[in-house]
Amino acid sequence: MSGFDLLGSLGDSAPADRSTRTDASGATGSAADGSLPCSRRGCRAAADWALRWNNPRIHDPQRRKTWLACEEHRVHLSSFLGDRGFLKETLTVAELAEIDKEGT
């Protein structure tokens, strides 16, 4: 059984070579300036937006997963999640950081 790469299926290019790190939101990767990178496959831009979502078929209603998006890819990633009824909220990365601080 091969795994399906959802984020990979959204991109048009080969996967970026990223060193992996994880923040409190569960996002992984690295942008060139050390900030969190956009989740769009192959994009190395720093993320400005946090797209919080869940799949109601497999997640509890309160659970939120997070995709990060740069300004260029925010609409594309939001549309992908929204078309499936998964997108719950869109925050700035700064707002997400505040939520993470409050939760610890």
PDB file of N, CA and C in Angstrom:
ATOM      1  N   MET A   1       0.845  -1.180   0.000  1.00  0.00           N
ATOM      2  CA  MET A   1       0.000   0.000   0.000  1.00  0.00           C
ATOM      3  C   MET A   1       0.887   1.238   0.000  1.00  0.00           C
ATOM      4  N   SER A   2       0.697   2.113  -0.968  1.00  0.00           N
ATOM      5  CA  SER A   2       1.502   3.328  -1.000  1.00  0.00           C
ATOM      6  C   SER A   2       0.734   4.461  -0.359  1.00  0.00           C
ATOM      7  N   GLY A   3       1.464   5.369   0.296  1.00  0.00           N
ATOM      8  CA  GLY A   3       0.835   6.502   0.964  1.00  0.00           C
ATOM      9  C   GLY A   3       0.490   7.592  -0.023  1.00  0.00           C
ATOM     10  N   PHE A   4      -0.591   8.291   0.209  1.00  0.00           N
ATOM     11  CA  PHE A   4      -1.007   9.409  -0.623  1.00  0.00           C
ATOM     12  C   PHE A   4      -0.473  10.687  -0.016  1.00  0.00           C
ATOM     13  N   ASP A   5       0.215  11.476  -0.801  1.00  0.00           N
ATOM     14  CA  ASP A   5       0.792  12.738  -0.359  1.00  0.00           C
ATOM     15  C   ASP A   5      -0.132  13.877  -0.765  1.00  0.00           C
ATOM     16  N   LEU A   6      -1.053  14.290   0.141  1.00  0.00           N
ATOM     17  CA  LEU A   6      -2.041  15.308  -0.162  1.00  0.00           C
ATOM     18  C   LEU A   6      -1.401  16.625  -0.543  1.00  0.00           C
ATOM     19  N   LEU A   7      -0.454  17.095   0.249  1.00  0.00           N
ATOM     20  CA  LEU A   7       0.203  18.360  -0.089  1.00  0.00           C
ATOM     21  C   LEU A   7       1.001  18.231  -1.376  1.00  0.00           C
ATOM     22  N   GLY A   8       1.620  17.082  -1.554  1.00  0.00           N
ATOM     23  CA  GLY A   8       2.378  16.860  -2.775  1.00  0.00           C
ATOM     24  C   GLY A   8       1.502  16.881  -4.011  1.00  0.00           C
ATOM     25  N   SER A   9       0.273  16.411  -3.881  1.00  0.00           N
ATOM     26  CA  SER A   9      -0.626  16.390  -5.021  1.00  0.00           C
ATOM     27  C   SER A   9      -1.081  17.783  -5.417  1.00  0.00           C
ATOM     28  N   LEU A  10      -0.919  18.759  -4.532  1.00  0.00           N
ATOM     29  CA  LEU A  10      -1.325  20.130  -4.831  1.00  0.00           C
ATOM     30  C   LEU A  10      -0.274  20.889  -5.618  1.00  0.00           C
ATOM     31  N   GLY A  11       0.963  20.435  -5.590  1.00  0.00           N
ATOM     32  CA  GLY A  11       2.045  21.191  -6.208  1.00  0.00           C
ATOM     33  C   GLY A  11       2.278  20.790  -7.647  1.00  0.00           C
ATOM     34  N   ASP A  12       2.970  21.668  -8.359  1.00  0.00           N
ATOM     35  CA  ASP A  12       3.294  21.421  -9.753  1.00  0.00           C
ATOM     36  C   ASP A  12       4.752  21.022  -9.940  1.00  0.00           C
ATOM     37  N   SER A  13       5.541  21.094  -8.871  1.00  0.00           N
ATOM     38  CA  SER A  13       6.971  20.851  -9.006  1.00  0.00           C
ATOM     39  C   SER A  13       7.419  19.760  -8.047  1.00  0.00           C
ATOM     40  N   ALA A  14       8.677  19.398  -8.175  1.00  0.00           N
ATOM     41  CA  ALA A  14       9.249  18.388  -7.289  1.00  0.00           C
ATOM     42  C   ALA A  14       9.312  18.920  -5.868  1.00  0.00           C
ATOM     43  N   PRO A  15       9.326  18.019  -4.880  1.00  0.00           N
ATOM     44  CA  PRO A  15       9.374  18.482  -3.501  1.00  0.00           C
ATOM     45  C   PRO A  15      10.637  19.287  -3.217  1.00  0.00           C
ATOM     46  N   ALA A  16      10.482  20.295  -2.409  1.00  0.00           N
ATOM     47  CA  ALA A  16      11.633  21.118  -2.019  1.00  0.00           C
ATOM     48  C   ALA A  16      12.503  20.341  -1.048  1.00  0.00           C
ATOM     49  N   ASP A  17      13.801  20.612  -1.080  1.00  0.00           N
ATOM     50  CA  ASP A  17      14.717  20.016  -0.126  1.00  0.00           C
ATOM     51  C   ASP A  17      14.639  20.848   1.143  1.00  0.00           C
ATOM     52  N   ARG A  18      13.972  20.316   2.179  1.00  0.00           N
ATOM     53  CA  ARG A  18      13.778  21.062   3.420  1.00  0.00           C
ATOM     54  C   ARG A  18      14.342  20.285   4.591  1.00  0.00           C
ATOM     55  N   SER A  19      15.014  20.990   5.475  1.00  0.00           N
ATOM     56  CA  SER A  19      15.339  20.363   6.745  1.00  0.00           C
ATOM     57  C   SER A  19      14.056  20.409   7.560  1.00  0.00           C
ATOM     58  N   THR A  20      13.818  19.408   8.351  1.00  0.00           N
ATOM     59  CA  THR A  20      12.542  19.325   9.046  1.00  0.00           C
ATOM     60  C   THR A  20      12.648  19.828  10.467  1.00  0.00           C
ATOM     61  N   ARG A  21      11.677  20.653  10.860  1.00  0.00           N
ATOM     62  CA  ARG A  21      11.493  21.053  12.241  1.00  0.00           C
ATOM     63  C   ARG A  21      10.000  21.212  12.442  1.00  0.00           C
ATOM     64  N   THR A  22       9.541  21.075  13.649  1.00  0.00           N
ATOM     65  CA  THR A  22       8.119  21.157  13.934  1.00  0.00           C
ATOM     66  C   THR A  22       7.871  22.235  14.961  1.00  0.00           C
ATOM     67  N   ASP A  23       6.846  23.063  14.728  1.00  0.00           N
ATOM     68  CA  ASP A  23       6.460  24.053  15.726  1.00  0.00           C
ATOM     69  C   ASP A  23       5.244  23.537  16.486  1.00  0.00           C
ATOM     70  N   ALA A  24       4.715  24.339  17.389  1.00  0.00           N
ATOM     71  CA  ALA A  24       3.594  23.913  18.225  1.00  0.00           C
ATOM     72  C   ALA A  24       2.343  23.622  17.416  1.00  0.00           C
ATOM     73  N   SER A  25       2.188  24.208  16.235  1.00  0.00           N
ATOM     74  CA  SER A  25       1.001  23.963  15.422  1.00  0.00           C
ATOM     75  C   SER A  25       1.104  22.652  14.651  1.00  0.00           C
ATOM     76  N   GLY A  26       2.282  22.026  14.656  1.00  0.00           N
ATOM     77  CA  GLY A  26       2.478  20.784  13.921  1.00  0.00           C
ATOM     78  C   GLY A  26       3.048  21.005  12.532  1.00  0.00           C
ATOM     79  N   ALA A  27       3.332  22.248  12.157  1.00  0.00           N
ATOM     80  CA  ALA A  27       3.882  22.534  10.846  1.00  0.00           C
ATOM     81  C   ALA A  27       5.350  22.136  10.822  1.00  0.00           C
ATOM     82  N   THR A  28       5.805  21.621   9.680  1.00  0.00           N
ATOM     83  CA  THR A  28       7.191  21.200   9.571  1.00  0.00           C
ATOM     84  C   THR A  28       7.872  21.887   8.398  1.00  0.00           C
ATOM     85  N   GLY A  29       9.200  21.902   8.429  1.00  0.00           N
ATOM     86  CA  GLY A  29       9.974  22.453   7.343  1.00  0.00           C
ATOM     87  C   GLY A  29      10.751  23.672   7.783  1.00  0.00           C
ATOM     88  N   SER A  30      11.328  24.366   6.813  1.00  0.00           N
ATOM     89  CA  SER A  30      12.056  25.591   7.128  1.00  0.00           C
ATOM     90  C   SER A  30      12.027  26.515   5.937  1.00  0.00           C
ATOM     91  N   ALA A  31      11.827  27.795   6.162  1.00  0.00           N
ATOM     92  CA  ALA A  31      11.932  28.807   5.119  1.00  0.00           C
ATOM     93  C   ALA A  31      13.362  29.323   5.134  1.00  0.00           C
ATOM     94  N   ALA A  32      13.754  29.977   4.079  1.00  0.00           N
ATOM     95  CA  ALA A  32      15.133  30.440   3.967  1.00  0.00           C
ATOM     96  C   ALA A  32      15.528  31.371   5.101  1.00  0.00           C
ATOM     97  N   ASP A  33      14.596  32.173   5.619  1.00  0.00           N
ATOM     98  CA  ASP A  33      14.922  33.129   6.678  1.00  0.00           C
ATOM     99  C   ASP A  33      14.711  32.566   8.082  1.00  0.00           C
ATOM    100  N   GLY A  34      14.409  31.262   8.197  1.00  0.00           N
ATOM    101  CA  GLY A  34      14.223  30.649   9.505  1.00  0.00           C
ATOM    102  C   GLY A  34      12.785  30.671   9.986  1.00  0.00           C
ATOM    103  N   SER A  35      11.892  31.376   9.299  1.00  0.00           N
ATOM    104  CA  SER A  35      10.484  31.368   9.676  1.00  0.00           C
ATOM    105  C   SER A  35       9.831  30.097   9.135  1.00  0.00           C
ATOM    106  N   LEU A  36       8.603  29.867   9.506  1.00  0.00           N
ATOM    107  CA  LEU A  36       7.898  28.676   9.037  1.00  0.00           C
ATOM    108  C   LEU A  36       7.548  28.825   7.564  1.00  0.00           C
ATOM    109  N   PRO A  37       7.704  27.751   6.776  1.00  0.00           N
ATOM    110  CA  PRO A  37       7.468  27.843   5.330  1.00  0.00           C
ATOM    111  C   PRO A  37       6.014  27.568   4.951  1.00  0.00           C
ATOM    112  N   CYS A  38       5.664  28.022   3.796  1.00  0.00           N
ATOM    113  CA  CYS A  38       4.379  27.726   3.180  1.00  0.00           C
ATOM    114  C   CYS A  38       4.255  26.214   2.986  1.00  0.00           C
ATOM    115  N   SER A  39       3.042  25.694   3.137  1.00  0.00           N
ATOM    116  CA  SER A  39       2.805  24.256   2.994  1.00  0.00           C
ATOM    117  C   SER A  39       2.672  23.810   1.542  1.00  0.00           C
ATOM    118  N   ARG A  40       2.561  24.726   0.607  1.00  0.00           N
ATOM    119  CA  ARG A  40       2.447  24.364  -0.804  1.00  0.00           C
ATOM    120  C   ARG A  40       3.723  23.673  -1.243  1.00  0.00           C
ATOM    121  N   ARG A  41       3.576  22.534  -1.868  1.00  0.00           N
ATOM    122  CA  ARG A  41       4.733  21.747  -2.299  1.00  0.00           C
ATOM    123  C   ARG A  41       5.664  22.586  -3.167  1.00  0.00           C
ATOM    124  N   GLY A  42       6.943  22.565  -2.819  1.00  0.00           N
ATOM    125  CA  GLY A  42       7.952  23.269  -3.590  1.00  0.00           C
ATOM    126  C   GLY A  42       8.116  24.732  -3.230  1.00  0.00           C
ATOM    127  N   CYS A  43       7.243  25.276  -2.411  1.00  0.00           N
ATOM    128  CA  CYS A  43       7.333  26.691  -2.044  1.00  0.00           C
ATOM    129  C   CYS A  43       8.245  26.838  -0.829  1.00  0.00           C
ATOM    130  N   ARG A  44       9.179  27.769  -0.918  1.00  0.00           N
ATOM    131  CA  ARG A  44      10.102  28.024   0.189  1.00  0.00           C
ATOM    132  C   ARG A  44       9.835  29.368   0.859  1.00  0.00           C
ATOM    133  N   ALA A  45       8.771  30.029   0.457  1.00  0.00           N
ATOM    134  CA  ALA A  45       8.455  31.351   1.021  1.00  0.00           C
ATOM    135  C   ALA A  45       7.985  31.219   2.465  1.00  0.00           C
ATOM    136  N   ALA A  46       8.224  32.265   3.224  1.00  0.00           N
ATOM    137  CA  ALA A  46       7.759  32.297   4.609  1.00  0.00           C
ATOM    138  C   ALA A  46       6.235  32.376   4.622  1.00  0.00           C
ATOM    139  N   ALA A  47       5.636  31.665   5.553  1.00  0.00           N
ATOM    140  CA  ALA A  47       4.180  31.658   5.683  1.00  0.00           C
ATOM    141  C   ALA A  47       3.702  32.923   6.381  1.00  0.00           C
ATOM    142  N   ASP A  48       2.605  33.464   5.893  1.00  0.00           N
ATOM    143  CA  ASP A  48       1.945  34.615   6.507  1.00  0.00           C
ATOM    144  C   ASP A  48       0.620  34.204   7.134  1.00  0.00           C
ATOM    145  N   TRP A  49       0.062  33.094   6.681  1.00  0.00           N
ATOM    146  CA  TRP A  49      -1.283  32.674   7.052  1.00  0.00           C
ATOM    147  C   TRP A  49      -1.304  31.256   7.600  1.00  0.00           C
ATOM    148  N   ALA A  50      -2.220  31.018   8.524  1.00  0.00           N
ATOM    149  CA  ALA A  50      -2.455  29.681   9.082  1.00  0.00           C
ATOM    150  C   ALA A  50      -3.880  29.280   8.716  1.00  0.00           C
ATOM    151  N   LEU A  51      -4.004  28.211   7.948  1.00  0.00           N
ATOM    152  CA  LEU A  51      -5.308  27.696   7.542  1.00  0.00           C
ATOM    153  C   LEU A  51      -5.636  26.534   8.460  1.00  0.00           C
ATOM    154  N   ARG A  52      -6.627  26.727   9.319  1.00  0.00           N
ATOM    155  CA  ARG A  52      -6.971  25.714  10.323  1.00  0.00           C
ATOM    156  C   ARG A  52      -8.153  24.921   9.796  1.00  0.00           C
ATOM    157  N   TRP A  53      -8.022  23.597   9.813  1.00  0.00           N
ATOM    158  CA  TRP A  53      -9.018  22.750   9.182  1.00  0.00           C
ATOM    159  C   TRP A  53      -9.169  21.436   9.910  1.00  0.00           C
ATOM    160  N   ASN A  54     -10.213  20.707   9.565  1.00  0.00           N
ATOM    161  CA  ASN A  54     -10.342  19.317   9.959  1.00  0.00           C
ATOM    162  C   ASN A  54     -11.213  18.591   8.953  1.00  0.00           C
ATOM    163  N   ASN A  55     -11.040  17.304   8.891  1.00  0.00           N
ATOM    164  CA  ASN A  55     -11.859  16.443   8.049  1.00  0.00           C
ATOM    165  C   ASN A  55     -12.900  15.823   8.973  1.00  0.00           C
ATOM    166  N   PRO A  56     -14.163  16.212   8.858  1.00  0.00           N
ATOM    167  CA  PRO A  56     -15.174  15.739   9.802  1.00  0.00           C
ATOM    168  C   PRO A  56     -15.408  14.235   9.763  1.00  0.00           C
ATOM    169  N   ARG A  57     -14.980  13.585   8.709  1.00  0.00           N
ATOM    170  CA  ARG A  57     -15.130  12.120   8.647  1.00  0.00           C
ATOM    171  C   ARG A  57     -14.153  11.394   9.566  1.00  0.00           C
ATOM    172  N   ILE A  58     -13.014  12.030   9.846  1.00  0.00           N
ATOM    173  CA  ILE A  58     -11.996  11.329  10.637  1.00  0.00           C
ATOM    174  C   ILE A  58     -11.531  12.074  11.881  1.00  0.00           C
ATOM    175  N   HIS A  59     -11.874  13.366  12.016  1.00  0.00           N
ATOM    176  CA  HIS A  59     -11.414  14.152  13.157  1.00  0.00           C
ATOM    177  C   HIS A  59     -12.579  14.542  14.053  1.00  0.00           C
ATOM    178  N   ASP A  60     -12.312  14.648  15.350  1.00  0.00           N
ATOM    179  CA  ASP A  60     -13.295  15.207  16.280  1.00  0.00           C
ATOM    180  C   ASP A  60     -13.578  16.648  15.862  1.00  0.00           C
ATOM    181  N   PRO A  61     -14.800  17.145  16.092  1.00  0.00           N
ATOM    182  CA  PRO A  61     -15.142  18.502  15.659  1.00  0.00           C
ATOM    183  C   PRO A  61     -14.226  19.596  16.205  1.00  0.00           C
ATOM    184  N   GLN A  62     -13.648  19.406  17.397  1.00  0.00           N
ATOM    185  CA  GLN A  62     -12.795  20.433  18.000  1.00  0.00           C
ATOM    186  C   GLN A  62     -11.362  20.398  17.472  1.00  0.00           C
ATOM    187  N   ARG A  63     -10.954  19.306  16.872  1.00  0.00           N
ATOM    188  CA  ARG A  63      -9.569  19.174  16.413  1.00  0.00           C
ATOM    189  C   ARG A  63      -9.299  20.115  15.251  1.00  0.00           C
ATOM    190  N   ARG A  64      -8.124  20.718  15.256  1.00  0.00           N
ATOM    191  CA  ARG A  64      -7.702  21.577  14.158  1.00  0.00           C
ATOM    192  C   ARG A  64      -6.325  21.158  13.688  1.00  0.00           C
ATOM    193  N   LYS A  65      -6.213  20.929  12.400  1.00  0.00           N
ATOM    194  CA  LYS A  65      -4.926  20.721  11.755  1.00  0.00           C
ATOM    195  C   LYS A  65      -4.581  22.057  11.109  1.00  0.00           C
ATOM    196  N   THR A  66      -3.316  22.276  10.813  1.00  0.00           N
ATOM    197  CA  THR A  66      -2.896  23.573  10.287  1.00  0.00           C
ATOM    198  C   THR A  66      -2.029  23.408   9.050  1.00  0.00           C
ATOM    199  N   TRP A  67      -2.401  24.109   8.016  1.00  0.00           N
ATOM    200  CA  TRP A  67      -1.538  24.304   6.859  1.00  0.00           C
ATOM    201  C   TRP A  67      -1.116  25.762   6.905  1.00  0.00           C
ATOM    202  N   LEU A  68       0.126  26.018   6.566  1.00  0.00           N
ATOM    203  CA  LEU A  68       0.639  27.383   6.514  1.00  0.00           C
ATOM    204  C   LEU A  68       0.704  27.827   5.063  1.00  0.00           C
ATOM    205  N   ALA A  69       0.459  29.111   4.820  1.00  0.00           N
ATOM    206  CA  ALA A  69       0.444  29.608   3.445  1.00  0.00           C
ATOM    207  C   ALA A  69       1.121  30.965   3.341  1.00  0.00           C
ATOM    208  N   CYS A  70       1.885  31.124   2.275  1.00  0.00           N
ATOM    209  CA  CYS A  70       2.408  32.442   1.940  1.00  0.00           C
ATOM    210  C   CYS A  70       1.274  33.211   1.263  1.00  0.00           C
ATOM    211  N   GLU A  71       1.483  34.497   1.041  1.00  0.00           N
ATOM    212  CA  GLU A  71       0.434  35.320   0.416  1.00  0.00           C
ATOM    213  C   GLU A  71       0.056  34.768  -0.964  1.00  0.00           C
ATOM    214  N   GLU A  72       1.045  34.326  -1.728  1.00  0.00           N
ATOM    215  CA  GLU A  72       0.799  33.835  -3.083  1.00  0.00           C
ATOM    216  C   GLU A  72      -0.085  32.582  -3.105  1.00  0.00           C
ATOM    217  N   HIS A  73       0.057  31.699  -2.119  1.00  0.00           N
ATOM    218  CA  HIS A  73      -0.660  30.411  -2.146  1.00  0.00           C
ATOM    219  C   HIS A  73      -1.859  30.329  -1.203  1.00  0.00           C
ATOM    220  N   ARG A  74      -2.147  31.395  -0.465  1.00  0.00           N
ATOM    221  CA  ARG A  74      -3.262  31.369   0.489  1.00  0.00           C
ATOM    222  C   ARG A  74      -4.586  31.031  -0.192  1.00  0.00           C
ATOM    223  N   VAL A  75      -4.897  31.699  -1.277  1.00  0.00           N
ATOM    224  CA  VAL A  75      -6.181  31.476  -1.948  1.00  0.00           C
ATOM    225  C   VAL A  75      -6.269  30.044  -2.476  1.00  0.00           C
ATOM    226  N   HIS A  76      -5.201  29.548  -3.089  1.00  0.00           N
ATOM    227  CA  HIS A  76      -5.208  28.195  -3.639  1.00  0.00           C
ATOM    228  C   HIS A  76      -5.446  27.148  -2.543  1.00  0.00           C
ATOM    229  N   LEU A  77      -4.677  27.237  -1.472  1.00  0.00           N
ATOM    230  CA  LEU A  77      -4.826  26.250  -0.400  1.00  0.00           C
ATOM    231  C   LEU A  77      -6.167  26.393   0.318  1.00  0.00           C
ATOM    232  N   SER A  78      -6.623  27.624   0.512  1.00  0.00           N
ATOM    233  CA  SER A  78      -7.936  27.854   1.138  1.00  0.00           C
ATOM    234  C   SER A  78      -9.052  27.276   0.275  1.00  0.00           C
ATOM    235  N   SER A  79      -8.960  27.473  -1.029  1.00  0.00           N
ATOM    236  CA  SER A  79      -9.977  26.939  -1.935  1.00  0.00           C
ATOM    237  C   SER A  79     -10.003  25.413  -1.900  1.00  0.00           C
ATOM    238  N   PHE A  80      -8.818  24.810  -1.893  1.00  0.00           N
ATOM    239  CA  PHE A  80      -8.739  23.346  -1.839  1.00  0.00           C
ATOM    240  C   PHE A  80      -9.459  22.823  -0.600  1.00  0.00           C
ATOM    241  N   LEU A  81      -9.162  23.403   0.555  1.00  0.00           N
ATOM    242  CA  LEU A  81      -9.798  22.964   1.800  1.00  0.00           C
ATOM    243  C   LEU A  81     -11.275  23.350   1.848  1.00  0.00           C
ATOM    244  N   GLY A  82     -11.599  24.553   1.402  1.00  0.00           N
ATOM    245  CA  GLY A  82     -12.975  25.041   1.432  1.00  0.00           C
ATOM    246  C   GLY A  82     -13.900  24.237   0.533  1.00  0.00           C
ATOM    247  N   ASP A  83     -13.429  23.854  -0.648  1.00  0.00           N
ATOM    248  CA  ASP A  83     -14.239  23.069  -1.577  1.00  0.00           C
ATOM    249  C   ASP A  83     -14.654  21.729  -0.975  1.00  0.00           C
ATOM    250  N   ARG A  84     -13.890  21.233  -0.029  1.00  0.00           N
ATOM    251  CA  ARG A  84     -14.175  19.950   0.609  1.00  0.00           C
ATOM    252  C   ARG A  84     -14.892  20.109   1.955  1.00  0.00           C
ATOM    253  N   GLY A  85     -15.126  21.360   2.351  1.00  0.00           N
ATOM    254  CA  GLY A  85     -15.787  21.618   3.625  1.00  0.00           C
ATOM    255  C   GLY A  85     -14.874  21.423   4.821  1.00  0.00           C
ATOM    256  N   PHE A  86     -13.557  21.465   4.603  1.00  0.00           N
ATOM    257  CA  PHE A  86     -12.590  21.226   5.673  1.00  0.00           C
ATOM    258  C   PHE A  86     -12.131  22.507   6.369  1.00  0.00           C
ATOM    259  N   LEU A  87     -12.086  23.633   5.660  1.00  0.00           N
ATOM    260  CA  LEU A  87     -11.532  24.871   6.211  1.00  0.00           C
ATOM    261  C   LEU A  87     -12.436  25.415   7.311  1.00  0.00           C
ATOM    262  N   LYS A  88     -11.864  25.633   8.491  1.00  0.00           N
ATOM    263  CA  LYS A  88     -12.623  26.136   9.634  1.00  0.00           C
ATOM    264  C   LYS A  88     -12.314  27.589   9.932  1.00  0.00           C
ATOM    265  N   GLU A  89     -11.045  28.004   9.775  1.00  0.00           N
ATOM    266  CA  GLU A  89     -10.687  29.394  10.028  1.00  0.00           C
ATOM    267  C   GLU A  89      -9.336  29.712   9.393  1.00  0.00           C
ATOM    268  N   THR A  90      -9.147  30.999   9.113  1.00  0.00           N
ATOM    269  CA  THR A  90      -7.882  31.493   8.577  1.00  0.00           C
ATOM    270  C   THR A  90      -7.371  32.563   9.527  1.00  0.00           C
ATOM    271  N   LEU A  91      -6.146  32.369  10.002  1.00  0.00           N
ATOM    272  CA  LEU A  91      -5.505  33.296  10.940  1.00  0.00           C
ATOM    273  C   LEU A  91      -4.177  33.741  10.358  1.00  0.00           C
ATOM    274  N   THR A  92      -3.657  34.843  10.887  1.00  0.00           N
ATOM    275  CA  THR A  92      -2.282  35.194  10.545  1.00  0.00           C
ATOM    276  C   THR A  92      -1.365  34.276  11.363  1.00  0.00           C
ATOM    277  N   VAL A  93      -0.132  34.154  10.927  1.00  0.00           N
ATOM    278  CA  VAL A  93       0.830  33.342  11.680  1.00  0.00           C
ATOM    279  C   VAL A  93       1.029  33.935  13.075  1.00  0.00           C
ATOM    280  N   ALA A  94       0.982  35.265  13.193  1.00  0.00           N
ATOM    281  CA  ALA A  94       1.118  35.912  14.511  1.00  0.00           C
ATOM    282  C   ALA A  94      -0.037  35.518  15.431  1.00  0.00           C
ATOM    283  N   GLU A  95      -1.263  35.477  14.903  1.00  0.00           N
ATOM    284  CA  GLU A  95      -2.416  35.058  15.709  1.00  0.00           C
ATOM    285  C   GLU A  95      -2.279  33.603  16.138  1.00  0.00           C
ATOM    286  N   LEU A  96      -1.768  32.758  15.243  1.00  0.00           N
ATOM    287  CA  LEU A  96      -1.550  31.351  15.584  1.00  0.00           C
ATOM    288  C   LEU A  96      -0.529  31.227  16.710  1.00  0.00           C
ATOM    289  N   ALA A  97       0.526  32.040  16.647  1.00  0.00           N
ATOM    290  CA  ALA A  97       1.543  32.007  17.698  1.00  0.00           C
ATOM    291  C   ALA A  97       0.942  32.377  19.045  1.00  0.00           C
ATOM    292  N   GLU A  98       0.035  33.345  19.066  1.00  0.00           N
ATOM    293  CA  GLU A  98      -0.636  33.735  20.317  1.00  0.00           C
ATOM    294  C   GLU A  98      -1.492  32.585  20.855  1.00  0.00           C
ATOM    295  N   ILE A  99      -2.206  31.899  19.981  1.00  0.00           N
ATOM    296  CA  ILE A  99      -3.012  30.750  20.406  1.00  0.00           C
ATOM    297  C   ILE A  99      -2.104  29.667  20.982  1.00  0.00           C
ATOM    298  N   ASP A 100      -0.973  29.425  20.324  1.00  0.00           N
ATOM    299  CA  ASP A 100      -0.024  28.421  20.805  1.00  0.00           C
ATOM    300  C   ASP A 100       0.515  28.793  22.181  1.00  0.00           C
ATOM    301  N   LYS A 101       0.800  30.093  22.384  1.00  0.00           N
ATOM    302  CA  LYS A 101       1.306  30.542  23.700  1.00  0.00           C
ATOM    303  C   LYS A 101       0.277  30.320  24.794  1.00  0.00           C
ATOM    304  N   GLU A 102      -0.976  30.642  24.488  1.00  0.00           N
ATOM    305  CA  GLU A 102      -2.045  30.483  25.460  1.00  0.00           C
ATOM    306  C   GLU A 102      -2.294  29.014  25.815  1.00  0.00           C
ATOM    307  N   GLY A 103      -2.033  28.135  24.850  1.00  0.00           N
ATOM    308  CA  GLY A 103      -2.285  26.722  25.068  1.00  0.00           C
ATOM    309  C   GLY A 103      -1.196  26.013  25.849  1.00  0.00           C
ATOM    310  N   THR A 104      -0.051  26.666  26.056  1.00  0.00           N
ATOM    311  CA  THR A 104       1.048  25.987  26.782  1.00  0.00           C
ATOM    312  C   THR A 104       1.160  26.478  28.187  1.00  0.00           C
TER     313      THR A 104
END
